[in-house]
Amino acid sequence: TFRGTVILAAGFDGASLKRTDFDGAIVFGEDFLIRLAAIAAPGSFRPELFTLAPADPEEVAAILVVSNALTPDDIASRTGGLAAYRITRTGDFGP
């Protein structure tokens, strides 16, 4: 699970994400789920099981790893200045 994580520039190319739970993770860019589905192992990530909601920059800054290790400039340079979003899982993984 990626609950409570901040995903800045992780490499998921070819990764099998069939039961990987991103619920609660902070990601960058409103198209993150679509981009993830495109680079993960074919058919292993179902973006329809998740939604994105804008994350308040203060909420992101309050996350311990962010406040201890990153500045707003670090985040902007690693994400290309994309806005932050929180992922919520809205469906079940199924069998």
C-alpha atoms as a PDB file:
ATOM      1  CA  THR A   1       0.000   0.000   0.000  1.00  0.00           C
ATOM      2  CA  PHE A   2       1.040   3.563  -0.650  1.00  0.00           C
ATOM      3  CA  ARG A   3      -1.228   5.075   2.039  1.00  0.00           C
ATOM      4  CA  GLY A   4       0.272   8.283   3.394  1.00  0.00           C
ATOM      5  CA  THR A   5       3.066   8.434   0.843  1.00  0.00           C
ATOM      6  CA  VAL A   6       4.077  11.248  -1.447  1.00  0.00           C
ATOM      7  CA  ILE A   7       4.912   9.948  -4.914  1.00  0.00           C
ATOM      8  CA  LEU A   8       7.152  12.478  -6.632  1.00  0.00           C
ATOM      9  CA  ALA A   9       8.916  10.728  -9.480  1.00  0.00           C
ATOM     10  CA  ALA A  10       8.654   6.985  -8.919  1.00  0.00           C
ATOM     11  CA  GLY A  11       9.314   4.615 -11.796  1.00  0.00           C
ATOM     12  CA  PHE A  12       6.415   2.216 -12.309  1.00  0.00           C
ATOM     13  CA  ASP A  13       7.371   1.280 -15.865  1.00  0.00           C
ATOM     14  CA  GLY A  14       6.349  -2.325 -16.484  1.00  0.00           C
ATOM     15  CA  ALA A  15       5.382  -2.882 -12.834  1.00  0.00           C
ATOM     16  CA  SER A  16       2.556  -5.280 -12.046  1.00  0.00           C
ATOM     17  CA  LEU A  17       0.124  -3.218  -9.966  1.00  0.00           C
ATOM     18  CA  LYS A  18      -2.852  -5.594  -9.908  1.00  0.00           C
ATOM     19  CA  ARG A  19      -3.541  -5.272  -6.166  1.00  0.00           C
ATOM     20  CA  THR A  20      -1.419  -2.252  -5.335  1.00  0.00           C
ATOM     21  CA  ASP A  21      -3.421   0.139  -3.193  1.00  0.00           C
ATOM     22  CA  PHE A  22      -2.701   3.815  -3.776  1.00  0.00           C
ATOM     23  CA  ASP A  23      -5.513   4.952  -1.437  1.00  0.00           C
ATOM     24  CA  GLY A  24      -4.376   8.023   0.502  1.00  0.00           C
ATOM     25  CA  ALA A  25      -1.235   8.673  -1.528  1.00  0.00           C
ATOM     26  CA  ILE A  26      -0.328  12.159  -2.711  1.00  0.00           C
ATOM     27  CA  VAL A  27       0.557  12.331  -6.408  1.00  0.00           C
ATOM     28  CA  PHE A  28       1.153  15.109  -8.908  1.00  0.00           C
ATOM     29  CA  GLY A  29      -0.812  15.917 -12.051  1.00  0.00           C
ATOM     30  CA  GLU A  30      -4.509  15.433 -12.680  1.00  0.00           C
ATOM     31  CA  ASP A  31      -3.693  12.727 -15.227  1.00  0.00           C
ATOM     32  CA  PHE A  32      -1.584  10.615 -12.822  1.00  0.00           C
ATOM     33  CA  LEU A  33      -3.924   7.606 -12.901  1.00  0.00           C
ATOM     34  CA  ILE A  34      -4.025   7.561 -16.704  1.00  0.00           C
ATOM     35  CA  ARG A  35      -0.238   7.914 -16.933  1.00  0.00           C
ATOM     36  CA  LEU A  36       0.198   5.118 -14.391  1.00  0.00           C
ATOM     37  CA  ALA A  37      -2.118   2.775 -16.316  1.00  0.00           C
ATOM     38  CA  ALA A  38      -0.168   3.488 -19.507  1.00  0.00           C
ATOM     39  CA  ILE A  39       3.248   2.580 -18.047  1.00  0.00           C
ATOM     40  CA  ALA A  40       2.349  -0.287 -15.696  1.00  0.00           C
ATOM     41  CA  ALA A  41       2.336  -3.886 -16.903  1.00  0.00           C
ATOM     42  CA  PRO A  42      -0.530  -4.219 -19.377  1.00  0.00           C
ATOM     43  CA  GLY A  43      -3.888  -4.730 -17.656  1.00  0.00           C
ATOM     44  CA  SER A  44      -2.390  -4.659 -14.154  1.00  0.00           C
ATOM     45  CA  PHE A  45      -3.620  -1.230 -13.036  1.00  0.00           C
ATOM     46  CA  ARG A  46      -7.286  -0.255 -13.163  1.00  0.00           C
ATOM     47  CA  PRO A  47      -7.595   3.540 -12.845  1.00  0.00           C
ATOM     48  CA  GLU A  48     -11.383   3.294 -12.560  1.00  0.00           C
ATOM     49  CA  LEU A  49     -10.930   1.960  -9.000  1.00  0.00           C
ATOM     50  CA  PHE A  50      -9.511   5.316  -7.863  1.00  0.00           C
ATOM     51  CA  THR A  51     -10.347   9.015  -7.895  1.00  0.00           C
ATOM     52  CA  LEU A  52      -8.187  12.103  -7.497  1.00  0.00           C
ATOM     53  CA  ALA A  53      -9.013  15.187  -5.442  1.00  0.00           C
ATOM     54  CA  PRO A  54      -6.866  18.311  -5.235  1.00  0.00           C
ATOM     55  CA  ALA A  55      -4.577  18.293  -2.198  1.00  0.00           C
ATOM     56  CA  ASP A  56      -4.012  21.531  -0.344  1.00  0.00           C
ATOM     57  CA  PRO A  57      -0.318  22.545  -0.503  1.00  0.00           C
ATOM     58  CA  GLU A  58      -0.352  23.047   3.283  1.00  0.00           C
ATOM     59  CA  GLU A  59      -1.631  19.475   3.705  1.00  0.00           C
ATOM     60  CA  VAL A  60       1.230  18.195   1.547  1.00  0.00           C
ATOM     61  CA  ALA A  61       3.796  20.303   3.423  1.00  0.00           C
ATOM     62  CA  ALA A  62       2.551  18.897   6.749  1.00  0.00           C
ATOM     63  CA  ILE A  63       3.476  15.327   5.790  1.00  0.00           C
ATOM     64  CA  LEU A  64       6.544  14.457   7.842  1.00  0.00           C
ATOM     65  CA  VAL A  65       8.829  13.309   5.016  1.00  0.00           C
ATOM     66  CA  VAL A  66       7.980  16.437   3.039  1.00  0.00           C
ATOM     67  CA  SER A  67       8.545  18.846   5.902  1.00  0.00           C
ATOM     68  CA  ASN A  68      11.787  17.117   6.913  1.00  0.00           C
ATOM     69  CA  ALA A  69      13.372  16.632   3.500  1.00  0.00           C
ATOM     70  CA  LEU A  70      11.827  18.810   0.797  1.00  0.00           C
ATOM     71  CA  THR A  71      11.260  22.452   0.037  1.00  0.00           C
ATOM     72  CA  PRO A  72       8.507  23.748  -2.234  1.00  0.00           C
ATOM     73  CA  ASP A  73      11.211  24.316  -4.872  1.00  0.00           C
ATOM     74  CA  ASP A  74      12.348  20.662  -4.573  1.00  0.00           C
ATOM     75  CA  ILE A  75       8.788  19.460  -5.109  1.00  0.00           C
ATOM     76  CA  ALA A  76       8.234  21.785  -8.062  1.00  0.00           C
ATOM     77  CA  SER A  77      11.455  20.691  -9.759  1.00  0.00           C
ATOM     78  CA  ARG A  78      10.708  16.977  -9.284  1.00  0.00           C
ATOM     79  CA  THR A  79       7.089  17.229 -10.435  1.00  0.00           C
ATOM     80  CA  GLY A  80       7.405  19.777 -13.207  1.00  0.00           C
ATOM     81  CA  GLY A  81       5.260  22.152 -11.184  1.00  0.00           C
ATOM     82  CA  LEU A  82       2.194  19.903 -11.372  1.00  0.00           C
ATOM     83  CA  ALA A  83      -0.526  20.292  -8.746  1.00  0.00           C
ATOM     84  CA  ALA A  84      -0.839  17.783  -5.900  1.00  0.00           C
ATOM     85  CA  TYR A  85      -3.750  15.339  -5.660  1.00  0.00           C
ATOM     86  CA  ARG A  86      -4.823  12.793  -3.062  1.00  0.00           C
ATOM     87  CA  ILE A  87      -5.879   9.386  -4.367  1.00  0.00           C
ATOM     88  CA  THR A  88      -8.972   7.688  -2.963  1.00  0.00           C
ATOM     89  CA  ARG A  89      -9.840   4.094  -3.764  1.00  0.00           C
ATOM     90  CA  THR A  90     -13.511   3.908  -4.687  1.00  0.00           C
ATOM     91  CA  GLY A  91     -13.793   0.291  -5.827  1.00  0.00           C
ATOM     92  CA  ASP A  92     -12.754  -3.187  -4.801  1.00  0.00           C
ATOM     93  CA  PHE A  93      -9.930  -5.082  -6.435  1.00  0.00           C
ATOM     94  CA  GLY A  94     -12.170  -8.116  -6.911  1.00  0.00           C
ATOM     95  CA  PRO A  95     -11.086 -11.718  -7.321  1.00  0.00           C
END
